Amino acid sequence: MAKEKSNFVRELEDLPGIGPATAEKFRAEGFETIEKIATASPHELAEIGDISVDNAKKAIEAAKKSSEVGFETGEQVFERRKQIGKITTGSKELDDLLGGGVETQAITEFFGKFGSGKSQMGFQLAVNVQKPKDQGGLEGKVLFIDSEATFRPERIRQIAEGSGMNPDEVLKNIHVARALNSDHQILLIEKADDIIQKENIKLIIVDSLTSQFRSDYIGRGALSERQQKLNRHIRALQRLADKYNIAVYITNQVMDNPAILFGDPTTPIGGHVIAHQSTYRVYVRRGKEEKRIARLIDSPNMPEGECVFKVTTDGIKD
């Protein structure tokens, strides 16, 4: 006989229709509190917990009745944001453009054409995050999701040596996975909780976020499904950033928008889904010689602006 649920819910297992196995599935995806269940979408919970949408709706309603979802003061938010860390890019100009570097609890997106320096920035951040905090690092390790076969340990070694670091130790602290397709890429992020906690991960890099999705979903008929999966994927990245106070750096491919007759037609892939979910969006393009021009397109707290940095043998520099 099924256990009768009480009116007041304290644990996920107390929710109607939710047993221990389903509760563990929710916790593994970051829904570890009643409040998070209360603010979830029924279809998302149904997919995660492998339950019906109706049961998910009942669980959400019960969670809403028992949760204490309320407001907090701006001062409380300010105090919480003091926990945020920043990773230096190697360029002071670029750090200033981003408000001090690449932020934890946020998704920083760099988009641009091939050879613009997006992957180089990822390599640099993978090295810099391992530095002491007083040198612009977070004393942590890296998860690197490689969807385009662009990860080069030789380049990591160059940058590490240019920073006066032990290249062998730096490489040991970078955990790399090659995403074979979009579903595999999604799965790698969904199963990342254990390694994040075990290995003191402070940075997730996805290079690139959209490549596999473009390959797997071709044509306008597949666009809706592609965007839904991209949305779920980037929301999972944000949940990890919030839950573990880590930084997320993603690169994005671009296309030329034929509707733009004047000015730069370069447009990032992913549409509004990525535009709304990325905390910081930076358009990077190649300049003369080693120079790259970075333009901050969107940020919650920094004005739009541009800066110039260099990609050198030793890494990213002013």
C-alpha atoms as a PDB file:
ATOM      1  CA  MET A   1       0.000   0.000   0.000  1.00  0.00           C
ATOM      2  CA  ALA A   2       1.342   3.406  -1.009  1.00  0.00           C
ATOM      3  CA  LYS A   3       2.438   5.765   1.712  1.00  0.00           C
ATOM      4  CA  GLU A   4      -0.108   8.555   2.217  1.00  0.00           C
ATOM      5  CA  LYS A   5       1.403  11.996   1.789  1.00  0.00           C
ATOM      6  CA  SER A   6       0.929  14.598   4.499  1.00  0.00           C
ATOM      7  CA  ASN A   7      -0.354  18.090   3.709  1.00  0.00           C
ATOM      8  CA  PHE A   8       2.934  19.705   4.737  1.00  0.00           C
ATOM      9  CA  VAL A   9       5.925  18.851   2.579  1.00  0.00           C
ATOM     10  CA  ARG A  10       9.405  18.835   4.060  1.00  0.00           C
ATOM     11  CA  GLU A  11      11.342  16.545   1.699  1.00  0.00           C
ATOM     12  CA  LEU A  12      11.019  15.783  -2.012  1.00  0.00           C
ATOM     13  CA  GLU A  13       9.772  12.279  -1.117  1.00  0.00           C
ATOM     14  CA  ASP A  14       6.773  13.890   0.629  1.00  0.00           C
ATOM     15  CA  LEU A  15       5.481  15.262  -2.686  1.00  0.00           C
ATOM     16  CA  PRO A  16       2.501  13.386  -4.195  1.00  0.00           C
ATOM     17  CA  GLY A  17       3.539  10.792  -6.754  1.00  0.00           C
ATOM     18  CA  ILE A  18       7.256  11.195  -5.981  1.00  0.00           C
ATOM     19  CA  GLY A  19       9.146   8.221  -4.613  1.00  0.00           C
ATOM     20  CA  PRO A  20      12.782   7.945  -3.484  1.00  0.00           C
ATOM     21  CA  ALA A  21      14.089   7.036  -6.957  1.00  0.00           C
ATOM     22  CA  THR A  22      12.356  10.005  -8.628  1.00  0.00           C
ATOM     23  CA  ALA A  23      13.490  12.344  -5.846  1.00  0.00           C
ATOM     24  CA  GLU A  24      17.103  11.306  -6.445  1.00  0.00           C
ATOM     25  CA  LYS A  25      16.716  12.051 -10.156  1.00  0.00           C
ATOM     26  CA  PHE A  26      15.499  15.556  -9.274  1.00  0.00           C
ATOM     27  CA  ARG A  27      18.383  16.131  -6.862  1.00  0.00           C
ATOM     28  CA  ALA A  28      20.910  14.981  -9.467  1.00  0.00           C
ATOM     29  CA  GLU A  29      19.611  17.686 -11.822  1.00  0.00           C
ATOM     30  CA  GLY A  30      19.845  20.460  -9.233  1.00  0.00           C
ATOM     31  CA  PHE A  31      16.236  20.360  -7.962  1.00  0.00           C
ATOM     32  CA  GLU A  32      17.205  19.510  -4.402  1.00  0.00           C
ATOM     33  CA  THR A  33      14.750  21.747  -2.525  1.00  0.00           C
ATOM     34  CA  ILE A  34      10.977  22.157  -2.366  1.00  0.00           C
ATOM     35  CA  GLU A  35      11.368  25.763  -3.535  1.00  0.00           C
ATOM     36  CA  LYS A  36      13.146  24.697  -6.730  1.00  0.00           C
ATOM     37  CA  ILE A  37      10.407  22.155  -7.485  1.00  0.00           C
ATOM     38  CA  ALA A  38       7.804  24.890  -6.930  1.00  0.00           C
ATOM     39  CA  THR A  39       9.373  27.096  -9.610  1.00  0.00           C
ATOM     40  CA  ALA A  40      10.078  24.334 -12.160  1.00  0.00           C
ATOM     41  CA  SER A  41       8.144  23.676 -15.359  1.00  0.00           C
ATOM     42  CA  PRO A  42       5.916  20.547 -15.444  1.00  0.00           C
ATOM     43  CA  HIS A  43       7.384  19.268 -18.721  1.00  0.00           C
ATOM     44  CA  GLU A  44      10.945  19.676 -17.449  1.00  0.00           C
ATOM     45  CA  LEU A  45      10.195  17.758 -14.240  1.00  0.00           C
ATOM     46  CA  ALA A  46       8.326  15.080 -16.169  1.00  0.00           C
ATOM     47  CA  GLU A  47      11.312  14.487 -18.435  1.00  0.00           C
ATOM     48  CA  ILE A  48      13.875  14.496 -15.612  1.00  0.00           C
ATOM     49  CA  GLY A  49      11.866  12.255 -13.288  1.00  0.00           C
ATOM     50  CA  ASP A  50      10.414  10.016 -16.003  1.00  0.00           C
ATOM     51  CA  ILE A  51       6.893  10.712 -14.706  1.00  0.00           C
ATOM     52  CA  SER A  52       3.701  11.967 -16.337  1.00  0.00           C
ATOM     53  CA  VAL A  53       3.124  15.688 -16.836  1.00  0.00           C
ATOM     54  CA  ASP A  54       0.004  15.442 -14.645  1.00  0.00           C
ATOM     55  CA  ASN A  55       2.028  13.976 -11.765  1.00  0.00           C
ATOM     56  CA  ALA A  56       4.627  16.686 -12.246  1.00  0.00           C
ATOM     57  CA  LYS A  57       1.915  19.359 -12.023  1.00  0.00           C
ATOM     58  CA  LYS A  58       0.587  17.815  -8.779  1.00  0.00           C
ATOM     59  CA  ALA A  59       4.081  17.768  -7.287  1.00  0.00           C
ATOM     60  CA  ILE A  60       4.626  21.409  -8.256  1.00  0.00           C
ATOM     61  CA  GLU A  61       1.299  22.494  -6.736  1.00  0.00           C
ATOM     62  CA  ALA A  62       2.099  20.696  -3.475  1.00  0.00           C
ATOM     63  CA  ALA A  63       5.555  22.272  -3.438  1.00  0.00           C
ATOM     64  CA  LYS A  64       4.079  25.739  -3.981  1.00  0.00           C
ATOM     65  CA  LYS A  65       1.759  25.333  -0.977  1.00  0.00           C
ATOM     66  CA  SER A  66       4.618  24.276   1.303  1.00  0.00           C
ATOM     67  CA  SER A  67       7.441  26.461   0.036  1.00  0.00           C
ATOM     68  CA  GLU A  68       8.439  29.826   1.380  1.00  0.00           C
ATOM     69  CA  VAL A  69       9.017  31.660  -1.866  1.00  0.00           C
ATOM     70  CA  GLY A  70       9.459  35.320  -1.042  1.00  0.00           C
ATOM     71  CA  PHE A  71      11.412  38.485  -1.621  1.00  0.00           C
ATOM     72  CA  GLU A  72      14.747  39.607  -0.265  1.00  0.00           C
ATOM     73  CA  THR A  73      16.269  43.050  -0.020  1.00  0.00           C
ATOM     74  CA  GLY A  74      18.766  44.447  -2.488  1.00  0.00           C
ATOM     75  CA  GLU A  75      21.262  44.504   0.377  1.00  0.00           C
ATOM     76  CA  GLN A  76      20.853  40.731   0.828  1.00  0.00           C
ATOM     77  CA  VAL A  77      21.451  40.180  -2.889  1.00  0.00           C
ATOM     78  CA  PHE A  78      24.530  42.404  -2.692  1.00  0.00           C
ATOM     79  CA  GLU A  79      25.926  40.384   0.219  1.00  0.00           C
ATOM     80  CA  ARG A  80      25.353  37.127  -1.668  1.00  0.00           C
ATOM     81  CA  ARG A  81      27.122  38.492  -4.751  1.00  0.00           C
ATOM     82  CA  LYS A  82      30.254  39.056  -2.666  1.00  0.00           C
ATOM     83  CA  GLN A  83      30.864  35.308  -3.068  1.00  0.00           C
ATOM     84  CA  ILE A  84      31.302  35.733  -6.825  1.00  0.00           C
ATOM     85  CA  GLY A  85      34.800  35.118  -8.150  1.00  0.00           C
ATOM     86  CA  LYS A  86      36.428  36.426 -11.343  1.00  0.00           C
ATOM     87  CA  ILE A  87      38.963  34.819 -13.652  1.00  0.00           C
ATOM     88  CA  THR A  88      41.376  37.099 -15.462  1.00  0.00           C
ATOM     89  CA  THR A  89      41.476  36.802 -19.250  1.00  0.00           C
ATOM     90  CA  GLY A  90      45.138  37.794 -19.375  1.00  0.00           C
ATOM     91  CA  SER A  91      44.237  41.206 -20.808  1.00  0.00           C
ATOM     92  CA  LYS A  92      43.537  44.057 -18.404  1.00  0.00           C
ATOM     93  CA  GLU A  93      41.576  45.889 -21.123  1.00  0.00           C
ATOM     94  CA  LEU A  94      39.319  42.867 -21.628  1.00  0.00           C
ATOM     95  CA  ASP A  95      38.980  42.298 -17.874  1.00  0.00           C
ATOM     96  CA  ASP A  96      37.809  45.911 -17.486  1.00  0.00           C
ATOM     97  CA  LEU A  97      35.313  45.463 -20.330  1.00  0.00           C
ATOM     98  CA  LEU A  98      33.826  42.459 -18.481  1.00  0.00           C
ATOM     99  CA  GLY A  99      33.807  44.178 -15.101  1.00  0.00           C
ATOM    100  CA  GLY A 100      36.873  42.436 -13.698  1.00  0.00           C
ATOM    101  CA  GLY A 101      37.105  39.176 -15.635  1.00  0.00           C
ATOM    102  CA  VAL A 102      34.992  36.100 -16.337  1.00  0.00           C
ATOM    103  CA  GLU A 103      32.472  35.813 -13.513  1.00  0.00           C
ATOM    104  CA  THR A 104      31.269  32.806 -11.525  1.00  0.00           C
ATOM    105  CA  GLN A 105      27.501  32.144 -11.356  1.00  0.00           C
ATOM    106  CA  ALA A 106      27.319  33.475 -14.918  1.00  0.00           C
ATOM    107  CA  ILE A 107      27.566  32.311 -18.528  1.00  0.00           C
ATOM    108  CA  THR A 108      30.072  34.245 -20.628  1.00  0.00           C
ATOM    109  CA  GLU A 109      29.651  33.766 -24.379  1.00  0.00           C
ATOM    110  CA  PHE A 110      32.243  34.657 -27.016  1.00  0.00           C
ATOM    111  CA  PHE A 111      31.021  34.480 -30.606  1.00  0.00           C
ATOM    112  CA  GLY A 112      32.821  35.203 -33.856  1.00  0.00           C
ATOM    113  CA  LYS A 113      34.091  33.788 -37.109  1.00  0.00           C
ATOM    114  CA  PHE A 114      36.674  31.022 -37.457  1.00  0.00           C
ATOM    115  CA  GLY A 115      40.095  32.191 -36.231  1.00  0.00           C
ATOM    116  CA  SER A 116      38.745  35.086 -34.184  1.00  0.00           C
ATOM    117  CA  GLY A 117      40.281  33.811 -30.927  1.00  0.00           C
ATOM    118  CA  LYS A 118      37.308  32.167 -29.186  1.00  0.00           C
ATOM    119  CA  SER A 119      39.093  28.863 -28.525  1.00  0.00           C
ATOM    120  CA  GLN A 120      42.308  30.678 -27.581  1.00  0.00           C
ATOM    121  CA  MET A 121      40.393  32.520 -24.882  1.00  0.00           C
ATOM    122  CA  GLY A 122      39.083  29.193 -23.592  1.00  0.00           C
ATOM    123  CA  PHE A 123      42.616  27.786 -23.390  1.00  0.00           C
ATOM    124  CA  GLN A 124      43.795  30.898 -21.538  1.00  0.00           C
ATOM    125  CA  LEU A 125      40.946  30.720 -19.009  1.00  0.00           C
ATOM    126  CA  ALA A 126      41.631  27.001 -18.465  1.00  0.00           C
ATOM    127  CA  VAL A 127      45.135  27.960 -17.343  1.00  0.00           C
ATOM    128  CA  ASN A 128      44.271  31.152 -15.464  1.00  0.00           C
ATOM    129  CA  VAL A 129      41.529  29.611 -13.303  1.00  0.00           C
ATOM    130  CA  GLN A 130      44.199  27.430 -11.698  1.00  0.00           C
ATOM    131  CA  LYS A 131      46.201  30.424 -10.486  1.00  0.00           C
ATOM    132  CA  PRO A 132      45.981  31.801  -6.917  1.00  0.00           C
ATOM    133  CA  LYS A 133      43.190  34.299  -6.313  1.00  0.00           C
ATOM    134  CA  ASP A 134      45.604  37.189  -5.924  1.00  0.00           C
ATOM    135  CA  GLN A 135      46.825  36.449  -9.479  1.00  0.00           C
ATOM    136  CA  GLY A 136      43.346  36.440 -11.027  1.00  0.00           C
ATOM    137  CA  GLY A 137      42.546  32.751 -10.591  1.00  0.00           C
ATOM    138  CA  LEU A 138      40.187  30.676  -8.449  1.00  0.00           C
ATOM    139  CA  GLU A 139      42.597  27.865  -7.469  1.00  0.00           C
ATOM    140  CA  GLY A 140      40.312  25.371  -9.206  1.00  0.00           C
ATOM    141  CA  LYS A 141      40.151  22.841 -12.018  1.00  0.00           C
ATOM    142  CA  VAL A 142      38.383  22.784 -15.386  1.00  0.00           C
ATOM    143  CA  LEU A 143      35.759  20.799 -17.301  1.00  0.00           C
ATOM    144  CA  PHE A 144      36.336  21.197 -21.039  1.00  0.00           C
ATOM    145  CA  ILE A 145      33.576  20.000 -23.392  1.00  0.00           C
ATOM    146  CA  ASP A 146      35.103  19.775 -26.879  1.00  0.00           C
ATOM    147  CA  SER A 147      32.488  19.576 -29.641  1.00  0.00           C
ATOM    148  CA  GLU A 148      34.707  20.562 -32.597  1.00  0.00           C
ATOM    149  CA  ALA A 149      37.912  18.607 -31.902  1.00  0.00           C
ATOM    150  CA  THR A 150      39.692  21.894 -31.138  1.00  0.00           C
ATOM    151  CA  PHE A 151      41.273  21.057 -27.766  1.00  0.00           C
ATOM    152  CA  ARG A 152      45.061  21.196 -28.081  1.00  0.00           C
ATOM    153  CA  PRO A 153      47.144  20.169 -25.036  1.00  0.00           C
ATOM    154  CA  GLU A 154      50.238  21.521 -26.810  1.00  0.00           C
ATOM    155  CA  ARG A 155      48.687  24.996 -26.789  1.00  0.00           C
ATOM    156  CA  ILE A 156      47.797  24.668 -23.105  1.00  0.00           C
ATOM    157  CA  ARG A 157      51.435  23.833 -22.384  1.00  0.00           C
ATOM    158  CA  GLN A 158      52.603  26.944 -24.258  1.00  0.00           C
ATOM    159  CA  ILE A 159      50.266  29.213 -22.308  1.00  0.00           C
ATOM    160  CA  ALA A 160      51.145  27.574 -18.980  1.00  0.00           C
ATOM    161  CA  GLU A 161      54.880  28.004 -19.638  1.00  0.00           C
ATOM    162  CA  GLY A 162      54.241  31.623 -20.651  1.00  0.00           C
ATOM    163  CA  SER A 163      52.610  32.122 -17.242  1.00  0.00           C
ATOM    164  CA  GLY A 164      55.480  30.465 -15.372  1.00  0.00           C
ATOM    165  CA  MET A 165      53.372  27.440 -14.427  1.00  0.00           C
ATOM    166  CA  ASN A 166      54.130  23.713 -14.556  1.00  0.00           C
ATOM    167  CA  PRO A 167      52.523  22.564 -17.844  1.00  0.00           C
ATOM    168  CA  ASP A 168      52.173  18.939 -16.705  1.00  0.00           C
ATOM    169  CA  GLU A 169      50.288  19.958 -13.548  1.00  0.00           C
ATOM    170  CA  VAL A 170      48.100  22.380 -15.516  1.00  0.00           C
ATOM    171  CA  LEU A 171      47.067  19.641 -17.970  1.00  0.00           C
ATOM    172  CA  LYS A 172      46.266  17.228 -15.113  1.00  0.00           C
ATOM    173  CA  ASN A 173      43.743  19.764 -13.798  1.00  0.00           C
ATOM    174  CA  ILE A 174      41.790  19.976 -17.077  1.00  0.00           C
ATOM    175  CA  HIS A 175      39.185  17.242 -17.575  1.00  0.00           C
ATOM    176  CA  VAL A 176      38.327  16.964 -21.281  1.00  0.00           C
ATOM    177  CA  ALA A 177      35.401  15.187 -22.950  1.00  0.00           C
ATOM    178  CA  ARG A 178      34.738  15.059 -26.701  1.00  0.00           C
ATOM    179  CA  ALA A 179      31.020  15.567 -27.440  1.00  0.00           C
ATOM    180  CA  LEU A 180      30.082  13.093 -30.194  1.00  0.00           C
ATOM    181  CA  ASN A 181      26.664  14.635 -30.870  1.00  0.00           C
ATOM    182  CA  SER A 182      24.211  17.052 -29.258  1.00  0.00           C
ATOM    183  CA  ASP A 183      22.604  14.401 -27.020  1.00  0.00           C
ATOM    184  CA  HIS A 184      26.026  13.320 -25.772  1.00  0.00           C
ATOM    185  CA  GLN A 185      26.916  16.954 -25.093  1.00  0.00           C
ATOM    186  CA  ILE A 186      23.716  17.410 -23.066  1.00  0.00           C
ATOM    187  CA  LEU A 187      24.431  14.204 -21.122  1.00  0.00           C
ATOM    188  CA  LEU A 188      27.980  15.294 -20.249  1.00  0.00           C
ATOM    189  CA  ILE A 189      26.629  18.414 -18.537  1.00  0.00           C
ATOM    190  CA  GLU A 190      23.720  16.622 -16.874  1.00  0.00           C
ATOM    191  CA  LYS A 191      26.138  14.115 -15.300  1.00  0.00           C
ATOM    192  CA  ALA A 192      28.746  16.690 -14.258  1.00  0.00           C
ATOM    193  CA  ASP A 193      27.723  17.103 -10.592  1.00  0.00           C
ATOM    194  CA  ASP A 194      29.926  14.302  -9.235  1.00  0.00           C
ATOM    195  CA  ILE A 195      33.138  15.406 -10.929  1.00  0.00           C
ATOM    196  CA  ILE A 196      32.501  19.075 -10.053  1.00  0.00           C
ATOM    197  CA  GLN A 197      32.319  18.225  -6.357  1.00  0.00           C
ATOM    198  CA  LYS A 198      35.100  15.631  -6.400  1.00  0.00           C
ATOM    199  CA  GLU A 199      37.649  17.616  -8.430  1.00  0.00           C
ATOM    200  CA  ASN A 200      37.020  21.194  -7.219  1.00  0.00           C
ATOM    201  CA  ILE A 201      35.898  22.356 -10.666  1.00  0.00           C
ATOM    202  CA  LYS A 202      35.691  26.160 -10.915  1.00  0.00           C
ATOM    203  CA  LEU A 203      35.262  26.588 -14.685  1.00  0.00           C
ATOM    204  CA  ILE A 204      33.240  24.832 -17.391  1.00  0.00           C
ATOM    205  CA  ILE A 205      34.211  25.469 -21.016  1.00  0.00           C
ATOM    206  CA  VAL A 206      31.998  24.396 -23.929  1.00  0.00           C
ATOM    207  CA  ASP A 207      33.749  24.903 -27.292  1.00  0.00           C
ATOM    208  CA  SER A 208      31.475  25.277 -29.111  1.00  0.00           C
ATOM    209  CA  LEU A 209      27.985  25.234 -27.659  1.00  0.00           C
ATOM    210  CA  THR A 210      26.104  25.112 -30.976  1.00  0.00           C
ATOM    211  CA  SER A 211      28.250  23.056 -33.377  1.00  0.00           C
ATOM    212  CA  GLN A 212      26.669  19.654 -32.698  1.00  0.00           C
ATOM    213  CA  PHE A 213      23.151  21.110 -32.604  1.00  0.00           C
ATOM    214  CA  ARG A 214      23.647  22.627 -36.068  1.00  0.00           C
ATOM    215  CA  SER A 215      24.796  19.243 -37.386  1.00  0.00           C
ATOM    216  CA  ASP A 216      22.018  17.205 -35.759  1.00  0.00           C
ATOM    217  CA  TYR A 217      19.061  19.493 -36.547  1.00  0.00           C
ATOM    218  CA  ILE A 218      19.044  20.554 -40.189  1.00  0.00           C
ATOM    219  CA  GLY A 219      16.296  22.575 -41.848  1.00  0.00           C
ATOM    220  CA  ARG A 220      13.486  24.772 -40.584  1.00  0.00           C
ATOM    221  CA  GLY A 221      11.369  21.769 -39.628  1.00  0.00           C
ATOM    222  CA  ALA A 222      13.896  20.771 -36.963  1.00  0.00           C
ATOM    223  CA  LEU A 223      14.422  24.303 -35.643  1.00  0.00           C
ATOM    224  CA  SER A 224      11.820  24.116 -32.864  1.00  0.00           C
ATOM    225  CA  GLU A 225      13.198  20.887 -31.399  1.00  0.00           C
ATOM    226  CA  ARG A 226      16.757  22.210 -31.678  1.00  0.00           C
ATOM    227  CA  GLN A 227      15.888  25.384 -29.792  1.00  0.00           C
ATOM    228  CA  GLN A 228      14.080  23.456 -27.051  1.00  0.00           C
ATOM    229  CA  LYS A 229      17.101  21.223 -26.495  1.00  0.00           C
ATOM    230  CA  LEU A 230      19.497  24.176 -26.603  1.00  0.00           C
ATOM    231  CA  ASN A 231      17.348  25.937 -24.010  1.00  0.00           C
ATOM    232  CA  ARG A 232      17.420  22.930 -21.701  1.00  0.00           C
ATOM    233  CA  HIS A 233      21.185  22.572 -22.213  1.00  0.00           C
ATOM    234  CA  ILE A 234      22.077  26.162 -21.401  1.00  0.00           C
ATOM    235  CA  ARG A 235      19.697  26.193 -18.409  1.00  0.00           C
ATOM    236  CA  ALA A 236      21.536  23.126 -17.074  1.00  0.00           C
ATOM    237  CA  LEU A 237      24.812  25.047 -17.407  1.00  0.00           C
ATOM    238  CA  GLN A 238      23.353  27.983 -15.475  1.00  0.00           C
ATOM    239  CA  ARG A 239      22.108  25.666 -12.719  1.00  0.00           C
ATOM    240  CA  LEU A 240      25.625  24.281 -12.285  1.00  0.00           C
ATOM    241  CA  ALA A 241      27.054  27.806 -12.229  1.00  0.00           C
ATOM    242  CA  ASP A 242      24.613  28.844  -9.490  1.00  0.00           C
ATOM    243  CA  LYS A 243      24.764  25.636  -7.463  1.00  0.00           C
ATOM    244  CA  TYR A 244      28.568  25.394  -7.262  1.00  0.00           C
ATOM    245  CA  ASN A 245      29.559  29.058  -7.740  1.00  0.00           C
ATOM    246  CA  ILE A 246      31.559  28.273 -10.874  1.00  0.00           C
ATOM    247  CA  ALA A 247      32.178  30.157 -14.125  1.00  0.00           C
ATOM    248  CA  VAL A 248      30.852  28.974 -17.486  1.00  0.00           C
ATOM    249  CA  TYR A 249      32.572  30.018 -20.720  1.00  0.00           C
ATOM    250  CA  ILE A 250      30.936  29.088 -24.028  1.00  0.00           C
ATOM    251  CA  THR A 251      31.936  29.774 -27.597  1.00  0.00           C
ATOM    252  CA  ASN A 252      29.351  30.178 -30.328  1.00  0.00           C
ATOM    253  CA  GLN A 253      29.436  29.884 -34.092  1.00  0.00           C
ATOM    254  CA  VAL A 254      28.078  32.595 -36.373  1.00  0.00           C
ATOM    255  CA  MET A 255      26.357  33.046 -39.718  1.00  0.00           C
ATOM    256  CA  ASP A 256      25.851  35.980 -42.081  1.00  0.00           C
ATOM    257  CA  ASN A 257      22.343  37.427 -41.847  1.00  0.00           C
ATOM    258  CA  PRO A 258      21.244  38.327 -45.419  1.00  0.00           C
ATOM    259  CA  ALA A 259      18.613  40.733 -44.038  1.00  0.00           C
ATOM    260  CA  ILE A 260      21.376  43.086 -42.839  1.00  0.00           C
ATOM    261  CA  LEU A 261      22.270  45.183 -45.873  1.00  0.00           C
ATOM    262  CA  PHE A 262      24.497  47.725 -44.138  1.00  0.00           C
ATOM    263  CA  GLY A 263      27.078  47.099 -41.432  1.00  0.00           C
ATOM    264  CA  ASP A 264      28.415  43.788 -40.130  1.00  0.00           C
ATOM    265  CA  PRO A 265      25.990  40.914 -40.990  1.00  0.00           C
ATOM    266  CA  THR A 266      27.668  38.502 -38.522  1.00  0.00           C
ATOM    267  CA  THR A 267      24.970  36.945 -36.307  1.00  0.00           C
ATOM    268  CA  PRO A 268      25.447  34.345 -33.528  1.00  0.00           C
ATOM    269  CA  ILE A 269      23.728  30.958 -33.806  1.00  0.00           C
ATOM    270  CA  GLY A 270      21.027  29.994 -31.300  1.00  0.00           C
ATOM    271  CA  GLY A 271      18.699  32.965 -31.623  1.00  0.00           C
ATOM    272  CA  HIS A 272      16.857  34.322 -28.604  1.00  0.00           C
ATOM    273  CA  VAL A 273      17.456  31.168 -26.518  1.00  0.00           C
ATOM    274  CA  ILE A 274      21.180  31.833 -26.143  1.00  0.00           C
ATOM    275  CA  ALA A 275      20.775  35.619 -26.253  1.00  0.00           C
ATOM    276  CA  HIS A 276      18.526  35.586 -23.182  1.00  0.00           C
ATOM    277  CA  GLN A 277      20.478  32.968 -21.216  1.00  0.00           C
ATOM    278  CA  SER A 278      24.029  34.299 -21.694  1.00  0.00           C
ATOM    279  CA  THR A 279      24.952  36.728 -18.935  1.00  0.00           C
ATOM    280  CA  TYR A 280      27.763  38.332 -20.933  1.00  0.00           C
ATOM    281  CA  ARG A 281      27.901  38.281 -24.753  1.00  0.00           C
ATOM    282  CA  VAL A 282      31.119  39.273 -26.490  1.00  0.00           C
ATOM    283  CA  TYR A 283      31.584  39.559 -30.249  1.00  0.00           C
ATOM    284  CA  VAL A 284      35.231  38.977 -31.137  1.00  0.00           C
ATOM    285  CA  ARG A 285      36.796  39.550 -34.548  1.00  0.00           C
ATOM    286  CA  ARG A 286      40.252  39.432 -36.051  1.00  0.00           C
ATOM    287  CA  GLY A 287      42.217  42.653 -36.478  1.00  0.00           C
ATOM    288  CA  LYS A 288      45.648  43.275 -37.991  1.00  0.00           C
ATOM    289  CA  GLU A 289      48.497  40.872 -37.156  1.00  0.00           C
ATOM    290  CA  GLU A 290      47.887  39.265 -33.740  1.00  0.00           C
ATOM    291  CA  LYS A 291      45.250  41.767 -32.664  1.00  0.00           C
ATOM    292  CA  ARG A 292      41.649  40.873 -31.828  1.00  0.00           C
ATOM    293  CA  ILE A 293      38.781  43.306 -31.238  1.00  0.00           C
ATOM    294  CA  ALA A 294      36.262  42.365 -28.541  1.00  0.00           C
ATOM    295  CA  ARG A 295      32.917  44.115 -28.320  1.00  0.00           C
ATOM    296  CA  LEU A 296      30.643  43.654 -25.309  1.00  0.00           C
ATOM    297  CA  ILE A 297      27.163  43.207 -26.782  1.00  0.00           C
ATOM    298  CA  ASP A 298      25.155  42.453 -23.644  1.00  0.00           C
ATOM    299  CA  SER A 299      25.729  42.592 -19.887  1.00  0.00           C
ATOM    300  CA  PRO A 300      23.497  43.135 -16.844  1.00  0.00           C
ATOM    301  CA  ASN A 301      25.861  45.648 -15.238  1.00  0.00           C
ATOM    302  CA  MET A 302      28.449  46.870 -17.777  1.00  0.00           C
ATOM    303  CA  PRO A 303      27.989  49.328 -20.664  1.00  0.00           C
ATOM    304  CA  GLU A 304      28.585  48.295 -24.252  1.00  0.00           C
ATOM    305  CA  GLY A 305      32.154  48.906 -25.333  1.00  0.00           C
ATOM    306  CA  GLU A 306      35.155  47.616 -27.224  1.00  0.00           C
ATOM    307  CA  CYS A 307      38.758  46.761 -26.480  1.00  0.00           C
ATOM    308  CA  VAL A 308      41.758  45.324 -28.292  1.00  0.00           C
ATOM    309  CA  PHE A 309      43.822  42.362 -27.111  1.00  0.00           C
ATOM    310  CA  LYS A 310      46.503  40.118 -28.612  1.00  0.00           C
ATOM    311  CA  VAL A 311      46.798  36.369 -29.117  1.00  0.00           C
ATOM    312  CA  THR A 312      50.507  35.631 -28.670  1.00  0.00           C
ATOM    313  CA  THR A 313      52.596  32.483 -28.279  1.00  0.00           C
ATOM    314  CA  ASP A 314      52.395  32.968 -24.500  1.00  0.00           C
ATOM    315  CA  GLY A 315      48.617  33.480 -24.576  1.00  0.00           C
ATOM    316  CA  ILE A 316      46.190  36.380 -24.326  1.00  0.00           C
ATOM    317  CA  LYS A 317      47.857  39.745 -23.693  1.00  0.00           C
ATOM    318  CA  ASP A 318      47.091  43.472 -23.957  1.00  0.00           C
END
